[in-house]
Protein backbone atom coordinates (compact mmCIF):
# COMPACT_ATOMS: atom_id res chain seq x y z
CA MET A 1 64.88 -4.20 -11.49
CA PHE A 2 64.35 -0.44 -11.75
CA ASN A 3 62.05 -0.92 -14.75
CA ARG A 4 59.93 -3.38 -12.80
CA ILE A 5 59.56 -0.96 -9.90
CA LEU A 6 58.73 1.88 -12.29
CA PHE A 7 56.16 -0.28 -14.05
CA PHE A 8 54.59 -1.26 -10.71
CA ILE A 9 54.34 2.40 -9.63
CA ILE A 10 52.74 3.36 -12.95
CA PHE A 11 50.32 0.43 -12.58
CA LEU A 12 49.27 1.59 -9.09
CA CYS A 13 48.81 5.16 -10.35
CA CYS A 14 46.55 3.91 -13.14
CA ILE A 15 44.41 1.96 -10.67
CA PHE A 16 44.18 5.04 -8.43
CA LEU A 17 43.09 7.22 -11.36
CA VAL A 18 40.47 4.72 -12.50
CA PHE A 19 38.94 4.47 -9.03
CA THR A 20 39.11 8.25 -8.58
CA VAL A 21 37.28 8.91 -11.85
CA ARG A 22 34.78 6.18 -11.08
CA TYR A 23 34.13 7.56 -7.59
CA LYS A 24 33.60 11.07 -8.92
CA SER A 25 31.23 9.85 -11.62
CA VAL A 26 29.09 7.88 -9.15
CA ARG A 27 27.52 10.84 -7.44
CA ILE A 28 24.70 9.94 -5.08
CA PHE A 29 22.62 11.96 -2.65
CA GLU A 30 19.88 10.97 -0.20
CA PHE A 31 17.30 13.52 0.89
CA LYS A 32 14.03 13.74 2.78
CA PHE A 33 10.79 14.75 1.08
CA LEU A 34 9.74 18.32 1.75
CA ASP A 35 6.52 18.83 3.71
CA SER A 36 3.40 19.84 1.84
CA CYS A 37 -0.34 20.25 2.29
CA GLN A 38 -0.69 17.98 -0.77
CA PRO A 39 0.47 14.61 0.63
CA ASP A 40 0.07 12.61 -2.57
CA ARG A 41 2.70 14.72 -4.30
CA PHE A 42 6.40 14.81 -3.53
CA TYR A 43 8.92 17.62 -3.60
CA VAL A 44 12.66 17.95 -4.13
CA PRO A 45 14.85 20.48 -2.30
CA VAL A 46 16.79 22.35 -5.01
CA SER A 47 19.47 24.91 -4.14
CA ILE A 48 20.06 27.99 -6.29
CA ASN A 49 22.61 30.64 -5.27
CA GLY A 50 22.91 29.09 -1.82
CA ASN A 51 19.17 29.10 -1.04
CA THR A 52 16.94 26.00 -1.07
CA TYR A 53 13.54 25.97 -2.80
CA LYS A 54 10.68 23.49 -3.01
CA PHE A 55 10.35 21.97 -6.51
CA LEU A 56 7.39 19.78 -7.44
CA PHE A 57 8.69 16.49 -8.90
CA ASP A 58 6.67 16.33 -12.12
CA THR A 59 7.26 13.59 -14.72
CA GLY A 60 4.29 14.97 -16.66
CA ALA A 61 6.13 18.24 -17.36
CA SER A 62 8.64 18.46 -20.20
CA ARG A 63 10.37 21.54 -18.82
CA THR A 64 11.41 22.84 -15.43
CA VAL A 65 9.40 26.01 -14.71
CA ILE A 66 10.18 28.90 -12.36
CA ASP A 67 7.86 31.83 -11.70
CA SER A 68 9.22 35.22 -12.73
CA ALA A 69 8.76 36.63 -9.21
CA LEU A 70 11.01 33.92 -7.79
CA ALA A 71 13.51 34.38 -10.62
CA GLU A 72 13.70 38.09 -9.84
CA LYS A 73 14.16 37.33 -6.15
CA ILE A 74 16.99 34.90 -6.94
CA GLY A 75 18.55 37.38 -9.35
CA LEU A 76 18.26 35.30 -12.53
CA THR A 77 18.67 36.90 -15.96
CA VAL A 78 15.74 36.46 -18.35
CA PHE A 79 16.20 36.00 -22.09
CA GLU A 80 13.96 35.22 -25.08
CA LYS A 81 10.98 36.87 -23.42
CA LYS A 82 7.63 36.65 -25.22
CA TYR A 83 3.93 36.92 -24.37
CA ILE A 84 1.45 34.04 -24.20
CA LYS A 85 -1.56 32.71 -22.30
CA THR A 86 -1.47 29.26 -20.79
CA THR A 87 -2.78 27.03 -17.99
CA PHE A 88 -1.05 26.23 -14.72
CA THR A 89 -1.53 23.30 -12.28
CA GLU A 90 -5.17 22.28 -11.82
CA GLY A 91 -6.62 25.77 -11.86
CA VAL A 92 -6.75 28.26 -14.68
CA ALA A 93 -4.06 30.92 -14.80
CA VAL A 94 -3.23 33.67 -17.27
CA PHE A 95 0.43 34.58 -17.70
CA ASP A 96 1.51 37.81 -19.32
CA SER A 97 4.95 36.62 -20.40
CA VAL A 98 7.16 33.62 -20.82
CA GLY A 99 10.88 33.38 -21.31
CA TYR A 100 13.94 31.36 -20.45
CA THR A 101 16.58 31.68 -17.81
CA SER A 102 19.68 29.71 -16.89
CA ILE A 103 20.21 28.31 -13.40
CA ASN A 104 23.17 26.76 -11.63
CA TYR A 105 21.44 24.38 -9.26
CA ALA A 106 22.30 21.70 -6.73
CA ILE A 107 20.37 18.76 -5.37
CA GLY A 108 22.47 17.88 -2.37
CA ASN A 109 26.05 17.32 -3.53
CA ILE A 110 25.03 17.01 -7.18
CA HIS A 111 25.59 20.23 -9.10
CA SER A 112 24.58 21.07 -12.66
CA LYS A 113 23.37 23.83 -14.97
CA GLN A 114 20.10 24.03 -16.87
CA THR A 115 18.12 26.43 -19.04
CA VAL A 116 14.58 26.51 -17.65
CA LEU A 117 11.24 27.99 -18.58
CA LEU A 118 10.13 31.14 -16.77
CA PHE A 119 6.60 32.51 -16.42
CA GLY A 120 5.58 36.04 -15.49
CA GLN A 121 2.17 35.77 -13.88
CA GLU A 122 -0.40 38.46 -14.60
CA LYS A 123 -3.40 37.04 -12.74
CA SER A 124 -4.79 33.69 -11.71
CA GLU A 125 -8.12 32.04 -10.98
CA LYS A 126 -8.95 28.89 -9.04
CA ILE A 127 -5.36 27.93 -8.32
CA SER A 128 -5.79 25.66 -5.29
CA SER A 129 -3.21 25.17 -2.55
CA VAL A 130 -0.10 25.82 -4.61
CA ASP A 131 2.61 25.62 -1.98
CA PHE A 132 5.74 24.97 -4.04
CA ASP A 133 8.27 27.35 -5.55
CA ALA A 134 8.81 25.74 -8.95
CA THR A 135 8.21 22.62 -11.05
CA LEU A 136 11.02 20.13 -11.65
CA GLY A 137 10.40 18.80 -15.16
CA MET A 138 11.83 15.99 -17.25
CA ASP A 139 14.60 18.18 -18.70
CA ILE A 140 16.29 17.80 -15.29
CA ILE A 141 14.69 14.58 -14.03
CA LYS A 142 15.91 12.53 -17.01
CA GLN A 143 19.55 13.37 -16.22
CA PHE A 144 19.46 11.23 -13.05
CA ASN A 145 18.13 8.03 -11.57
CA TRP A 146 15.65 8.43 -8.72
CA LEU A 147 14.54 6.15 -5.89
CA PHE A 148 11.56 7.29 -3.80
CA ASP A 149 10.77 5.38 -0.60
CA PHE A 150 7.29 6.60 0.32
CA SER A 151 7.18 4.53 3.52
CA LYS A 152 10.21 6.41 4.92
CA GLY A 153 9.66 9.74 3.19
CA ARG A 154 13.14 9.63 1.70
CA ALA A 155 14.63 9.62 -1.79
CA ILE A 156 17.97 8.96 -3.49
CA ILE A 157 19.27 10.64 -6.63
CA SER A 158 22.28 9.41 -8.59
CA LYS A 159 23.97 9.70 -11.97
CA SER A 160 24.47 5.92 -11.97
CA LYS A 161 22.46 2.83 -11.09
CA ILE A 162 21.03 2.89 -7.57
CA ASP A 163 21.41 -0.29 -5.52
CA PHE A 164 18.65 -0.70 -2.96
CA GLN A 165 17.16 -3.40 -0.78
CA THR A 166 13.80 -4.94 -1.61
CA LEU A 167 11.56 -7.18 0.47
CA PRO A 168 11.51 -10.93 -0.29
CA ASP A 169 7.80 -10.82 -1.19
CA ASP A 170 7.92 -7.59 -3.18
CA LYS A 171 5.75 -7.38 -6.26
CA ILE A 172 6.83 -5.03 -9.03
CA LEU A 173 4.81 -3.09 -11.57
CA THR A 174 7.12 -2.07 -14.43
CA PHE A 175 6.56 0.65 -17.03
CA ASP A 176 8.71 1.37 -20.07
CA PHE A 177 8.38 5.00 -21.10
CA TYR A 178 9.36 7.07 -24.12
CA TYR A 179 9.58 10.66 -25.31
CA THR A 180 8.14 12.25 -28.43
CA ASN A 181 9.77 14.72 -30.80
CA SER A 182 7.77 17.56 -29.28
CA SER A 183 7.82 16.58 -25.62
CA ASP A 184 10.01 14.93 -23.00
CA ASN A 185 7.25 14.00 -20.57
CA THR A 186 6.94 10.31 -19.66
CA ARG A 187 4.63 8.61 -22.12
CA MET A 188 4.06 4.87 -22.31
CA ASN A 189 2.07 2.08 -23.89
CA LEU A 190 0.17 -0.06 -21.39
CA SER A 191 -1.65 -3.38 -21.43
CA ILE A 192 -4.80 -3.08 -19.33
CA ASP A 193 -6.97 -6.19 -18.94
CA GLY A 194 -5.46 -7.47 -22.17
CA GLN A 195 -6.21 -4.28 -24.11
CA LEU A 196 -3.30 -2.19 -25.42
CA PHE A 197 -3.41 1.55 -24.69
CA HIS A 198 -1.04 3.89 -26.49
CA ASN A 199 0.26 7.28 -25.37
CA ALA A 200 -0.59 7.14 -21.67
CA LEU A 201 1.01 9.79 -19.44
CA PHE A 202 2.82 8.87 -16.22
CA ASP A 203 2.39 12.09 -14.26
CA THR A 204 3.75 12.38 -10.70
CA GLY A 205 2.60 16.01 -10.62
CA TYR A 206 -1.06 15.30 -11.41
CA ARG A 207 -3.49 15.16 -8.53
CA LYS A 208 -7.26 15.03 -8.72
CA TYR A 209 -9.81 14.35 -6.01
CA PHE A 210 -13.33 13.06 -6.42
CA LEU A 211 -15.62 14.71 -3.87
CA LEU A 212 -18.68 12.74 -2.81
CA SER A 213 -19.21 14.12 0.69
CA GLU A 214 -16.93 15.86 3.16
CA LYS A 215 -14.43 13.12 2.42
CA SER A 216 -12.55 12.85 -0.85
CA LYS A 217 -10.51 10.19 -2.61
CA GLY A 218 -7.66 10.67 -5.03
CA ILE A 219 -8.19 9.64 -8.63
CA ASP A 220 -5.88 6.78 -9.70
CA ILE A 221 -6.39 6.99 -13.45
CA LYS A 222 -7.91 9.63 -15.68
CA PHE A 223 -9.22 8.22 -18.98
CA SER A 224 -9.66 10.18 -22.17
CA GLU A 225 -13.04 9.74 -23.87
CA GLN A 226 -11.52 7.45 -26.48
CA GLY A 227 -9.53 5.53 -23.86
CA LEU A 228 -12.60 5.07 -21.69
CA ALA A 229 -14.65 3.88 -24.67
CA THR A 230 -11.95 1.32 -25.47
CA TYR A 231 -11.85 0.08 -21.89
CA SER A 232 -15.65 0.03 -21.50
CA ASN A 233 -16.10 -2.23 -24.53
CA LYS A 234 -14.90 -5.11 -22.37
CA PRO A 235 -17.09 -6.58 -19.62
CA MET A 236 -15.81 -5.27 -16.30
CA PRO A 237 -16.96 -5.01 -12.68
CA ALA A 238 -17.28 -1.23 -12.48
CA PHE A 239 -19.60 1.30 -10.87
CA TRP A 240 -20.37 4.69 -12.29
CA ILE A 241 -21.34 7.94 -10.59
CA ASN A 242 -22.11 11.10 -12.50
CA THR A 243 -20.29 14.20 -11.30
CA THR A 244 -21.56 17.77 -11.25
CA ASP A 245 -19.50 18.66 -14.32
CA GLU A 246 -21.07 15.85 -16.41
CA ARG A 247 -18.12 13.53 -16.09
CA LYS A 248 -18.17 10.06 -14.57
CA ALA A 249 -16.26 8.60 -11.66
CA ILE A 250 -15.60 4.92 -12.19
CA PHE A 251 -15.00 2.36 -9.44
CA ILE A 252 -13.20 -0.72 -10.73
CA ASP A 253 -12.88 -3.83 -8.54
CA SER A 254 -9.71 -5.00 -10.26
CA MET A 255 -7.56 -3.98 -13.18
CA ILE A 256 -4.62 -5.90 -14.64
CA ILE A 257 -1.91 -3.45 -15.74
CA ASN A 258 1.08 -4.96 -17.56
CA GLY A 259 0.23 -8.31 -15.98
CA TYR A 260 0.00 -6.81 -12.48
CA THR A 261 -3.37 -6.78 -10.67
CA MET A 262 -4.53 -3.63 -8.92
CA HIS A 263 -7.65 -3.64 -6.71
CA SER A 264 -10.29 -0.99 -6.05
CA MET A 265 -9.27 1.51 -8.68
CA LEU A 266 -10.86 4.94 -8.81
CA ALA A 267 -10.89 6.46 -12.30
CA LEU A 268 -12.36 9.55 -13.93
CA ASP A 269 -13.31 10.19 -17.52
CA SER A 270 -12.11 13.29 -19.35
CA LYS A 271 -12.74 15.14 -22.60
CA ASP A 272 -9.01 15.63 -23.04
CA ASP A 273 -7.76 13.24 -25.74
CA ARG A 274 -4.09 14.23 -25.72
CA TYR A 275 -3.34 11.02 -23.82
CA SER A 276 -5.30 7.76 -23.67
CA MET A 277 -5.03 8.06 -19.89
CA ILE A 278 -3.07 9.71 -17.09
CA ILE A 279 -1.46 7.71 -14.29
CA THR A 280 -1.72 10.06 -11.31
CA ALA A 281 0.27 10.82 -8.17
CA ASN A 282 -2.40 9.05 -6.10
CA PHE A 283 -1.88 5.82 -8.06
CA ILE A 284 1.87 6.00 -7.46
CA HIS A 285 1.39 6.46 -3.71
CA ARG A 286 -0.33 3.09 -3.48
CA PHE A 287 3.18 1.64 -3.61
CA ARG A 288 6.02 1.64 -1.11
CA MET A 289 8.81 2.59 -3.50
CA MET A 290 9.32 4.00 -6.99
CA TYR A 291 12.54 3.63 -8.97
CA ILE A 292 13.02 5.73 -12.10
CA ASP A 293 15.83 4.39 -14.30
CA SER A 294 16.23 7.34 -16.64
CA LYS A 295 19.00 5.81 -18.76
CA ASN A 296 16.96 2.72 -19.62
CA LYS A 297 13.63 4.63 -19.63
CA LYS A 298 12.07 2.31 -17.08
CA ILE A 299 9.90 2.95 -14.01
CA GLN A 300 9.36 0.31 -11.34
CA LEU A 301 6.82 0.47 -8.52
CA TYR A 302 7.39 -1.85 -5.52
CA VAL A 303 4.84 -3.17 -3.04
CA SER A 304 4.55 -6.25 -0.82
CA PRO A 305 1.61 -8.01 0.89
CA SER A 306 2.57 -6.18 4.08
CA ASP A 307 1.54 -2.99 2.26
CA SER A 308 -1.96 -4.35 1.61
CA ALA A 309 -3.74 -1.25 2.94
CA ARG A 310 -1.97 0.79 0.28
CA HIS A 311 -2.11 -1.86 -2.41
CA HIS A 312 -5.67 -3.18 -2.14
CA ARG A 313 -7.48 -0.13 -0.80
CA ARG A 314 -9.96 -2.11 1.33
CA ASP A 315 -11.97 1.00 2.17
CA LEU A 316 -12.76 1.63 -1.48
CA GLN A 317 -13.62 -2.05 -2.03
CA ASN A 318 -16.22 -1.97 0.74
CA PHE A 319 -17.71 1.18 -0.73
CA SER A 320 -17.90 -0.25 -4.25
CA ARG A 321 -19.51 -3.51 -3.06
CA ALA A 322 -22.15 -1.64 -1.08
CA LEU A 323 -22.74 0.57 -4.09
CA LYS A 324 -23.18 -2.49 -6.30
CA ARG A 325 -25.73 -4.03 -3.93
CA HIS A 326 -27.64 -0.75 -3.78
CA SER A 327 -27.66 -0.51 -7.57
CA GLU A 328 -28.93 -4.09 -7.98
CA GLU A 329 -31.64 -3.69 -5.34
CA ASN A 330 -32.90 -0.39 -6.78
CA GLN A 331 -32.60 -1.10 -10.49
CA GLY A 332 -35.19 0.90 -12.41
CA LYS A 333 -36.23 2.92 -9.37
CA THR A 334 -35.88 6.66 -8.86
CA GLY A 335 -34.58 8.11 -5.62
CA ASP A 336 -32.45 10.74 -3.97
CA GLY A 337 -29.14 9.20 -4.92
CA ILE A 338 -26.69 7.24 -2.80
CA PRO A 339 -27.78 6.55 0.82
CA GLN A 340 -25.72 8.20 3.56
CA GLU A 341 -24.65 4.85 5.06
CA ILE A 342 -22.93 3.97 1.78
CA ILE A 343 -21.33 7.39 1.50
CA ASP A 344 -19.99 6.91 5.04
CA LEU A 345 -18.07 3.87 3.82
CA TRP A 346 -16.16 6.20 1.52
C-alpha cells in the first residue's frame, strides 16, 4: 500500500515537472507596433538595460545593427573594432568604424543575449526620415516565431508555434525561405507567372516610393536587370514609365506568385543583380497578417476578400487602365507626357 502511494506521488511530481518545463519553454509575448513616420515599415520595442528602444524589423538584414552613439549611451562595451565604409538604409552613409558588442535584451517577457554589429558614424548624406534606434536583423529574428496583425497594429512573438485565428475566407500566400553560407537574410525561390526566379530577397525593411506627382506609391517588387529581362520575355499586361534616374516603373495588372494572384502590382527595375528581385515592405502591407515560422523557414501572408482595398489596389488599377488607353490612343505621337487627369488617378 505504501509503495502504491509513493509511486502515485512520484507520478504526480513527474507530471508537474513536465508541465512546468513545457510552460517555461512556451514563452509568448504580444506587443503593439511602435509609431513611425514610415507607415509601411514596422518596429519592435526592444529593452536593453531597462530602457526600451525602437528596432526596425528587417528580414533583409543578416545582422542586428546598433549605432555607436546609442551603444555608448547604453553603456555597451565594443570589441573587434575596425574601419570600413558602407551604405545605410536608402541613403548613402559613410561610417568610420565597425565593431561588435554584446547585448542582454528583452522583447516583453522574452529575454536573451546576442552579439550584434555596431557602427560608428562619421558622416551621412541623403539619409531620409530615419526615426528608429537600431535594426533588428535575422540573427535575432530567426530565434523566434512572429505573427504580425497589420489590421490591429499588434504582433506576437514566441519560441514555439503560434496559434491564431484566421477568417473562413482567408487566402494565403506562402513563401519558403533559406539562408546562404555568407548571409542569414531571407532568400527564396519564387514561381511568378509560371517562371521560376531564384535568389529573391524578402525584405521587410526595404521601402521605396515612386514619385509621379505630389502623391507617391510604394514599390511592391524591385527587379534586378536580369530578373526583369526574364519576366519581360513573357507577354504581360504591363505599363512602363521612365524615371528621372533612367530606371523604369512597371505597372502590372496581375501577377501570379506561387499560384496566388496579386492585382495592380507596382514594380521598379534596378541595376543591382545581387537578388533576382526584392519583395518590399509595401508588398507585405497589402495583407492583413504575416506569420513567420522561423523553425520551418516558412512565411505566410493572409488576406480575405473583405481586405480587397489592400489586396486588389483598385486605385492603381484605375490609373493603369487609363494609362493604357492613353498609350493606345497616342501611339507614335509626341507630347508632354502623361495628362494631369491620369496623374490625378494615382
